[in-house]
Amino acid sequence: MNTYCPKAEDITRVWHLIDADGKTLGRVSTEVANLLRGKGKPEFTPHVDCGDFVIIINAEKIKVTGKKELQKVYHRHSGFPGGHRQETLGALRRRRPVVILERAIRGMIPHTRLGDRQFTHLNVYEGTKHPHEAQQPKVYELVG
């Protein structure tokens, strides 16, 4: 008896459309990370990219609980002396709201070449407009 291992050409990919309006950041991120990895599929294999494509709209309307808007801090460093920069979630939301979802989801998929490839299947947009109508995305309803 042999163990089935799917090949890249055997995988069927679906386009999912998620509306983040009023949804909690962590709940959306975990669902999207699972869709990108393909963990809900019966043929899921950890070392094969068998995930789906995901489109997220209304990224600027994502909800966080508690005082995270003021207390959650994002850090980055340019690599030069004195190059450490930090920004609160509220400031980042005003400047680039798409990055909040992208960073949360990126942290939940593997930090490998496979994870890099899976992350390219994510498309996050402000507002309700997106250029992927030709792919006929299916509306994905989040639980909770």
N, C-alpha and C. Protein backbone atom coordinates (compact mmCIF):
# COMPACT_ATOMS: atom_id res chain seq x y z
N MET A 1 0.84 -1.17 0.00
CA MET A 1 0.00 0.00 0.00
C MET A 1 0.89 1.24 0.00
N ASN A 2 0.59 2.20 -0.87
CA ASN A 2 1.39 3.41 -0.97
C ASN A 2 0.63 4.60 -0.40
N THR A 3 1.38 5.55 0.12
CA THR A 3 0.78 6.79 0.62
C THR A 3 0.62 7.75 -0.54
N TYR A 4 -0.56 8.36 -0.64
CA TYR A 4 -0.83 9.29 -1.72
C TYR A 4 -0.15 10.62 -1.41
N CYS A 5 0.55 11.16 -2.40
CA CYS A 5 1.19 12.47 -2.27
C CYS A 5 0.82 13.28 -3.51
N PRO A 6 0.07 14.37 -3.33
CA PRO A 6 -0.38 15.12 -4.51
C PRO A 6 0.77 15.84 -5.20
N LYS A 7 0.67 15.93 -6.51
CA LYS A 7 1.65 16.68 -7.29
C LYS A 7 1.09 18.07 -7.55
N ALA A 8 1.94 18.99 -7.94
CA ALA A 8 1.53 20.37 -8.15
C ALA A 8 0.46 20.48 -9.23
N GLU A 9 0.55 19.67 -10.27
CA GLU A 9 -0.42 19.75 -11.36
C GLU A 9 -1.76 19.10 -11.01
N ASP A 10 -1.81 18.30 -9.94
CA ASP A 10 -3.06 17.64 -9.54
C ASP A 10 -3.94 18.52 -8.66
N ILE A 11 -3.43 19.64 -8.21
CA ILE A 11 -4.13 20.47 -7.23
C ILE A 11 -5.07 21.45 -7.93
N THR A 12 -6.31 21.49 -7.48
CA THR A 12 -7.26 22.47 -8.00
C THR A 12 -7.35 23.62 -7.01
N ARG A 13 -7.21 24.82 -7.52
CA ARG A 13 -7.22 26.00 -6.66
C ARG A 13 -8.53 26.77 -6.86
N VAL A 14 -9.04 27.28 -5.77
CA VAL A 14 -10.28 28.04 -5.76
C VAL A 14 -9.95 29.46 -5.31
N TRP A 15 -10.66 30.43 -5.84
CA TRP A 15 -10.50 31.83 -5.41
C TRP A 15 -11.58 32.14 -4.38
N HIS A 16 -11.17 32.62 -3.21
CA HIS A 16 -12.09 32.98 -2.14
C HIS A 16 -12.09 34.50 -1.96
N LEU A 17 -13.27 35.06 -1.72
CA LEU A 17 -13.42 36.48 -1.45
C LEU A 17 -13.90 36.64 -0.01
N ILE A 18 -13.14 37.40 0.80
CA ILE A 18 -13.46 37.61 2.20
C ILE A 18 -13.65 39.09 2.45
N ASP A 19 -14.77 39.43 3.07
CA ASP A 19 -15.05 40.82 3.45
C ASP A 19 -14.65 40.98 4.91
N ALA A 20 -13.64 41.82 5.19
CA ALA A 20 -13.11 41.98 6.54
C ALA A 20 -13.83 43.05 7.33
N ASP A 21 -14.91 43.59 6.81
CA ASP A 21 -15.63 44.68 7.47
C ASP A 21 -16.21 44.20 8.80
N GLY A 22 -15.70 44.75 9.92
CA GLY A 22 -16.20 44.42 11.24
C GLY A 22 -15.71 43.10 11.81
N LYS A 23 -14.82 42.40 11.10
CA LYS A 23 -14.30 41.13 11.57
C LYS A 23 -13.04 41.37 12.42
N THR A 24 -12.76 40.46 13.33
CA THR A 24 -11.61 40.58 14.22
C THR A 24 -10.34 40.15 13.49
N LEU A 25 -9.26 40.89 13.71
CA LEU A 25 -8.00 40.68 13.00
C LEU A 25 -7.48 39.25 13.12
N GLY A 26 -7.39 38.73 14.32
CA GLY A 26 -6.82 37.40 14.52
C GLY A 26 -7.66 36.29 13.93
N ARG A 27 -8.98 36.44 14.02
CA ARG A 27 -9.87 35.41 13.48
C ARG A 27 -9.79 35.35 11.96
N VAL A 28 -9.75 36.51 11.34
CA VAL A 28 -9.62 36.55 9.88
C VAL A 28 -8.27 35.98 9.47
N SER A 29 -7.22 36.36 10.18
CA SER A 29 -5.86 35.94 9.83
C SER A 29 -5.69 34.43 9.88
N THR A 30 -6.22 33.79 10.92
CA THR A 30 -6.06 32.34 11.02
C THR A 30 -6.82 31.61 9.92
N GLU A 31 -8.04 32.08 9.62
CA GLU A 31 -8.82 31.45 8.55
C GLU A 31 -8.10 31.59 7.20
N VAL A 32 -7.58 32.79 6.94
CA VAL A 32 -6.91 33.03 5.66
C VAL A 32 -5.62 32.22 5.58
N ALA A 33 -4.87 32.15 6.67
CA ALA A 33 -3.63 31.36 6.66
C ALA A 33 -3.93 29.89 6.37
N ASN A 34 -5.01 29.36 6.93
CA ASN A 34 -5.39 27.98 6.65
C ASN A 34 -5.82 27.79 5.20
N LEU A 35 -6.51 28.77 4.62
CA LEU A 35 -6.88 28.68 3.21
C LEU A 35 -5.65 28.73 2.31
N LEU A 36 -4.70 29.61 2.63
CA LEU A 36 -3.48 29.73 1.82
C LEU A 36 -2.65 28.45 1.87
N ARG A 37 -2.62 27.80 3.01
CA ARG A 37 -1.85 26.56 3.14
C ARG A 37 -2.60 25.35 2.59
N GLY A 38 -3.95 25.43 2.54
CA GLY A 38 -4.74 24.30 2.05
C GLY A 38 -5.06 23.30 3.13
N LYS A 39 -5.06 23.73 4.37
CA LYS A 39 -5.25 22.80 5.48
C LYS A 39 -6.65 22.21 5.56
N GLY A 40 -7.62 22.82 4.91
CA GLY A 40 -8.97 22.27 4.94
C GLY A 40 -9.23 21.23 3.88
N LYS A 41 -8.26 20.99 3.02
CA LYS A 41 -8.43 20.04 1.93
C LYS A 41 -8.02 18.64 2.37
N PRO A 42 -8.70 17.61 1.86
CA PRO A 42 -8.31 16.24 2.24
C PRO A 42 -6.93 15.85 1.71
N GLU A 43 -6.48 16.47 0.65
CA GLU A 43 -5.17 16.11 0.08
C GLU A 43 -4.05 17.00 0.62
N PHE A 44 -4.26 17.68 1.75
CA PHE A 44 -3.25 18.57 2.33
C PHE A 44 -1.97 17.79 2.62
N THR A 45 -0.87 18.36 2.15
CA THR A 45 0.45 17.83 2.42
C THR A 45 1.33 19.00 2.85
N PRO A 46 2.02 18.91 3.99
CA PRO A 46 2.75 20.07 4.51
C PRO A 46 3.83 20.62 3.59
N HIS A 47 4.44 19.77 2.76
CA HIS A 47 5.55 20.23 1.94
C HIS A 47 5.16 20.56 0.50
N VAL A 48 3.84 20.58 0.21
CA VAL A 48 3.35 20.88 -1.12
C VAL A 48 2.44 22.10 -1.04
N ASP A 49 2.56 23.00 -2.01
CA ASP A 49 1.69 24.17 -2.06
C ASP A 49 0.34 23.76 -2.62
N CYS A 50 -0.60 23.43 -1.75
CA CYS A 50 -1.92 22.98 -2.19
C CYS A 50 -3.02 23.94 -1.73
N GLY A 51 -2.66 25.17 -1.41
CA GLY A 51 -3.62 26.15 -0.93
C GLY A 51 -4.37 26.86 -2.04
N ASP A 52 -5.33 27.67 -1.64
CA ASP A 52 -6.17 28.42 -2.56
C ASP A 52 -5.74 29.88 -2.63
N PHE A 53 -6.36 30.62 -3.54
CA PHE A 53 -6.14 32.06 -3.65
C PHE A 53 -7.16 32.77 -2.76
N VAL A 54 -6.74 33.86 -2.13
CA VAL A 54 -7.63 34.59 -1.23
C VAL A 54 -7.59 36.08 -1.58
N ILE A 55 -8.78 36.68 -1.65
CA ILE A 55 -8.92 38.13 -1.86
C ILE A 55 -9.62 38.68 -0.61
N ILE A 56 -9.02 39.68 0.01
CA ILE A 56 -9.63 40.32 1.18
C ILE A 56 -9.97 41.76 0.81
N ILE A 57 -11.22 42.14 1.03
CA ILE A 57 -11.63 43.52 0.78
C ILE A 57 -11.99 44.19 2.10
N ASN A 58 -12.08 45.52 2.08
CA ASN A 58 -12.37 46.32 3.27
C ASN A 58 -11.34 46.11 4.38
N ALA A 59 -10.07 46.11 4.03
CA ALA A 59 -9.01 45.88 5.01
C ALA A 59 -8.94 46.99 6.04
N GLU A 60 -9.35 48.20 5.68
CA GLU A 60 -9.27 49.31 6.62
C GLU A 60 -10.33 49.23 7.70
N LYS A 61 -11.32 48.34 7.55
CA LYS A 61 -12.41 48.24 8.52
C LYS A 61 -12.25 47.04 9.45
N ILE A 62 -11.05 46.46 9.49
CA ILE A 62 -10.79 45.32 10.38
C ILE A 62 -10.89 45.78 11.82
N LYS A 63 -11.36 44.92 12.70
CA LYS A 63 -11.61 45.27 14.09
C LYS A 63 -10.55 44.62 14.98
N VAL A 64 -10.13 45.35 16.01
CA VAL A 64 -9.27 44.78 17.05
C VAL A 64 -9.95 45.03 18.39
N THR A 65 -9.66 44.18 19.35
CA THR A 65 -10.31 44.28 20.65
C THR A 65 -9.39 44.97 21.65
N GLY A 66 -9.97 45.42 22.73
CA GLY A 66 -9.20 46.03 23.81
C GLY A 66 -8.57 47.35 23.39
N LYS A 67 -7.37 47.60 23.91
CA LYS A 67 -6.66 48.86 23.65
C LYS A 67 -5.56 48.68 22.61
N LYS A 68 -5.70 47.65 21.76
CA LYS A 68 -4.65 47.37 20.78
C LYS A 68 -4.43 48.52 19.81
N GLU A 69 -5.45 49.29 19.54
CA GLU A 69 -5.31 50.42 18.61
C GLU A 69 -4.22 51.38 19.07
N LEU A 70 -4.06 51.53 20.38
CA LEU A 70 -3.06 52.44 20.93
C LEU A 70 -1.83 51.71 21.47
N GLN A 71 -1.99 50.47 21.92
CA GLN A 71 -0.89 49.79 22.62
C GLN A 71 -0.10 48.82 21.75
N LYS A 72 -0.70 48.28 20.69
CA LYS A 72 0.05 47.35 19.82
C LYS A 72 1.02 48.15 18.97
N VAL A 73 2.29 47.75 19.00
CA VAL A 73 3.34 48.49 18.32
C VAL A 73 4.01 47.58 17.29
N TYR A 74 4.17 48.10 16.07
CA TYR A 74 4.88 47.40 15.00
C TYR A 74 6.29 47.97 14.92
N HIS A 75 7.29 47.08 14.82
CA HIS A 75 8.69 47.49 14.77
C HIS A 75 9.28 47.14 13.41
N ARG A 76 10.22 47.96 12.96
CA ARG A 76 11.00 47.64 11.77
C ARG A 76 12.36 48.30 11.94
N HIS A 77 13.34 47.82 11.20
CA HIS A 77 14.70 48.36 11.30
C HIS A 77 15.30 48.42 9.91
N SER A 78 15.94 49.55 9.63
CA SER A 78 16.52 49.75 8.30
C SER A 78 17.84 49.00 8.13
N GLY A 79 18.46 48.61 9.23
CA GLY A 79 19.76 47.96 9.17
C GLY A 79 20.90 48.91 9.41
N PHE A 80 20.62 50.19 9.49
CA PHE A 80 21.63 51.20 9.77
C PHE A 80 21.57 51.62 11.24
N PRO A 81 22.65 52.16 11.78
CA PRO A 81 22.60 52.63 13.17
C PRO A 81 21.51 53.69 13.34
N GLY A 82 20.71 53.53 14.38
CA GLY A 82 19.62 54.45 14.63
C GLY A 82 18.44 54.24 13.72
N GLY A 83 18.38 53.10 13.02
CA GLY A 83 17.34 52.86 12.03
C GLY A 83 16.10 52.17 12.57
N HIS A 84 15.97 52.07 13.89
CA HIS A 84 14.80 51.42 14.47
C HIS A 84 13.60 52.36 14.41
N ARG A 85 12.49 51.86 13.84
CA ARG A 85 11.28 52.65 13.75
C ARG A 85 10.15 51.84 14.37
N GLN A 86 9.26 52.52 15.04
CA GLN A 86 8.09 51.85 15.59
C GLN A 86 6.86 52.70 15.36
N GLU A 87 5.72 52.01 15.28
CA GLU A 87 4.47 52.66 14.91
C GLU A 87 3.32 51.90 15.57
N THR A 88 2.35 52.61 16.08
CA THR A 88 1.20 51.95 16.70
C THR A 88 0.26 51.43 15.62
N LEU A 89 -0.63 50.56 16.03
CA LEU A 89 -1.60 49.99 15.10
C LEU A 89 -2.49 51.08 14.51
N GLY A 90 -2.89 52.05 15.33
CA GLY A 90 -3.74 53.13 14.84
C GLY A 90 -3.06 53.97 13.78
N ALA A 91 -1.77 54.27 14.00
CA ALA A 91 -1.03 55.07 13.03
C ALA A 91 -0.82 54.29 11.73
N LEU A 92 -0.53 52.99 11.86
CA LEU A 92 -0.34 52.16 10.66
C LEU A 92 -1.65 52.01 9.90
N ARG A 93 -2.77 51.95 10.61
CA ARG A 93 -4.08 51.85 9.96
C ARG A 93 -4.36 53.11 9.13
N ARG A 94 -4.00 54.27 9.65
CA ARG A 94 -4.21 55.51 8.89
C ARG A 94 -3.29 55.60 7.68
N ARG A 95 -2.06 55.07 7.82
CA ARG A 95 -1.08 55.20 6.75
C ARG A 95 -1.22 54.10 5.70
N ARG A 96 -1.22 52.82 6.13
CA ARG A 96 -1.29 51.69 5.20
C ARG A 96 -2.09 50.55 5.83
N PRO A 97 -3.41 50.57 5.78
CA PRO A 97 -4.22 49.56 6.47
C PRO A 97 -4.04 48.14 5.94
N VAL A 98 -3.62 47.99 4.71
CA VAL A 98 -3.44 46.66 4.12
C VAL A 98 -2.32 45.90 4.83
N VAL A 99 -1.31 46.62 5.29
CA VAL A 99 -0.13 45.99 5.90
C VAL A 99 -0.49 45.27 7.20
N ILE A 100 -1.48 45.75 7.91
CA ILE A 100 -1.87 45.12 9.18
C ILE A 100 -2.28 43.67 8.94
N LEU A 101 -3.16 43.45 7.97
CA LEU A 101 -3.59 42.08 7.66
C LEU A 101 -2.46 41.26 7.06
N GLU A 102 -1.69 41.86 6.18
CA GLU A 102 -0.60 41.11 5.54
C GLU A 102 0.42 40.61 6.56
N ARG A 103 0.79 41.46 7.52
CA ARG A 103 1.78 41.06 8.52
C ARG A 103 1.23 39.99 9.45
N ALA A 104 -0.05 40.09 9.81
CA ALA A 104 -0.65 39.08 10.69
C ALA A 104 -0.71 37.72 9.99
N ILE A 105 -1.07 37.72 8.72
CA ILE A 105 -1.18 36.46 7.98
C ILE A 105 0.20 35.89 7.68
N ARG A 106 1.14 36.74 7.34
CA ARG A 106 2.50 36.27 7.02
C ARG A 106 3.13 35.57 8.21
N GLY A 107 2.81 36.03 9.40
CA GLY A 107 3.35 35.40 10.60
C GLY A 107 2.77 34.03 10.88
N MET A 108 1.68 33.66 10.22
CA MET A 108 1.00 32.40 10.47
C MET A 108 1.28 31.32 9.43
N ILE A 109 2.02 31.65 8.39
CA ILE A 109 2.38 30.64 7.40
C ILE A 109 3.88 30.37 7.53
N PRO A 110 4.38 29.28 6.98
CA PRO A 110 5.78 28.92 7.18
C PRO A 110 6.74 30.00 6.67
N HIS A 111 7.83 30.18 7.40
CA HIS A 111 8.85 31.16 7.02
C HIS A 111 9.92 30.47 6.18
N THR A 112 9.47 29.93 5.04
CA THR A 112 10.34 29.19 4.13
C THR A 112 10.01 29.62 2.70
N ARG A 113 10.69 29.00 1.74
CA ARG A 113 10.37 29.28 0.34
C ARG A 113 8.94 28.88 0.01
N LEU A 114 8.47 27.79 0.62
CA LEU A 114 7.09 27.37 0.41
C LEU A 114 6.12 28.43 0.94
N GLY A 115 6.40 28.97 2.12
CA GLY A 115 5.55 30.02 2.68
C GLY A 115 5.57 31.28 1.84
N ASP A 116 6.73 31.61 1.26
CA ASP A 116 6.82 32.77 0.38
C ASP A 116 5.91 32.59 -0.84
N ARG A 117 5.90 31.38 -1.39
CA ARG A 117 5.05 31.11 -2.55
C ARG A 117 3.57 31.16 -2.17
N GLN A 118 3.23 30.60 -1.02
CA GLN A 118 1.83 30.62 -0.58
C GLN A 118 1.37 32.04 -0.30
N PHE A 119 2.25 32.89 0.20
CA PHE A 119 1.89 34.27 0.53
C PHE A 119 1.58 35.08 -0.73
N THR A 120 2.14 34.69 -1.88
CA THR A 120 1.85 35.41 -3.11
C THR A 120 0.41 35.18 -3.58
N HIS A 121 -0.29 34.19 -3.01
CA HIS A 121 -1.67 33.92 -3.38
C HIS A 121 -2.66 34.79 -2.60
N LEU A 122 -2.13 35.69 -1.76
CA LEU A 122 -2.97 36.58 -0.97
C LEU A 122 -3.06 37.94 -1.65
N ASN A 123 -4.28 38.49 -1.74
CA ASN A 123 -4.51 39.81 -2.31
C ASN A 123 -5.39 40.59 -1.34
N VAL A 124 -4.86 41.68 -0.78
CA VAL A 124 -5.59 42.48 0.20
C VAL A 124 -5.83 43.86 -0.38
N TYR A 125 -7.06 44.38 -0.24
CA TYR A 125 -7.41 45.66 -0.81
C TYR A 125 -8.21 46.50 0.19
N GLU A 126 -8.00 47.82 0.11
CA GLU A 126 -8.85 48.75 0.82
C GLU A 126 -10.12 48.91 -0.01
N GLY A 127 -11.22 49.11 0.66
CA GLY A 127 -12.47 49.30 -0.06
C GLY A 127 -13.00 48.00 -0.64
N THR A 128 -14.04 48.13 -1.46
CA THR A 128 -14.70 46.94 -2.00
C THR A 128 -14.27 46.60 -3.42
N LYS A 129 -13.49 47.43 -4.05
CA LYS A 129 -13.04 47.17 -5.44
C LYS A 129 -11.82 46.26 -5.45
N HIS A 130 -11.84 45.32 -6.38
CA HIS A 130 -10.66 44.47 -6.62
C HIS A 130 -10.64 44.06 -8.09
N PRO A 131 -9.44 43.82 -8.65
CA PRO A 131 -9.33 43.52 -10.08
C PRO A 131 -9.41 42.03 -10.42
N HIS A 132 -10.07 41.22 -9.59
CA HIS A 132 -10.07 39.77 -9.80
C HIS A 132 -11.45 39.22 -10.14
N GLU A 133 -12.30 40.02 -10.76
CA GLU A 133 -13.64 39.54 -11.12
C GLU A 133 -13.59 38.41 -12.15
N ALA A 134 -12.57 38.42 -13.00
CA ALA A 134 -12.46 37.39 -14.04
C ALA A 134 -12.24 36.00 -13.45
N GLN A 135 -11.69 35.93 -12.23
CA GLN A 135 -11.44 34.63 -11.59
C GLN A 135 -12.70 34.08 -10.91
N GLN A 136 -13.78 34.84 -10.88
CA GLN A 136 -15.05 34.46 -10.28
C GLN A 136 -14.86 33.92 -8.87
N PRO A 137 -14.41 34.79 -7.95
CA PRO A 137 -14.17 34.32 -6.58
C PRO A 137 -15.46 33.97 -5.86
N LYS A 138 -15.39 32.95 -5.02
CA LYS A 138 -16.54 32.54 -4.22
C LYS A 138 -16.47 33.27 -2.89
N VAL A 139 -17.60 33.79 -2.45
CA VAL A 139 -17.64 34.50 -1.17
C VAL A 139 -17.45 33.48 -0.05
N TYR A 140 -16.46 33.74 0.79
CA TYR A 140 -16.14 32.84 1.91
C TYR A 140 -16.66 33.48 3.19
N GLU A 141 -17.58 32.81 3.86
CA GLU A 141 -18.15 33.34 5.10
C GLU A 141 -17.31 32.84 6.27
N LEU A 142 -16.84 33.79 7.08
CA LEU A 142 -16.05 33.45 8.25
C LEU A 142 -16.98 33.03 9.38
N VAL A 143 -16.57 32.06 10.15
CA VAL A 143 -17.34 31.62 11.30
C VAL A 143 -17.05 32.55 12.46
N GLY A 144 -18.07 33.08 13.09
CA GLY A 144 -17.89 33.93 14.27
C GLY A 144 -17.82 35.37 14.02
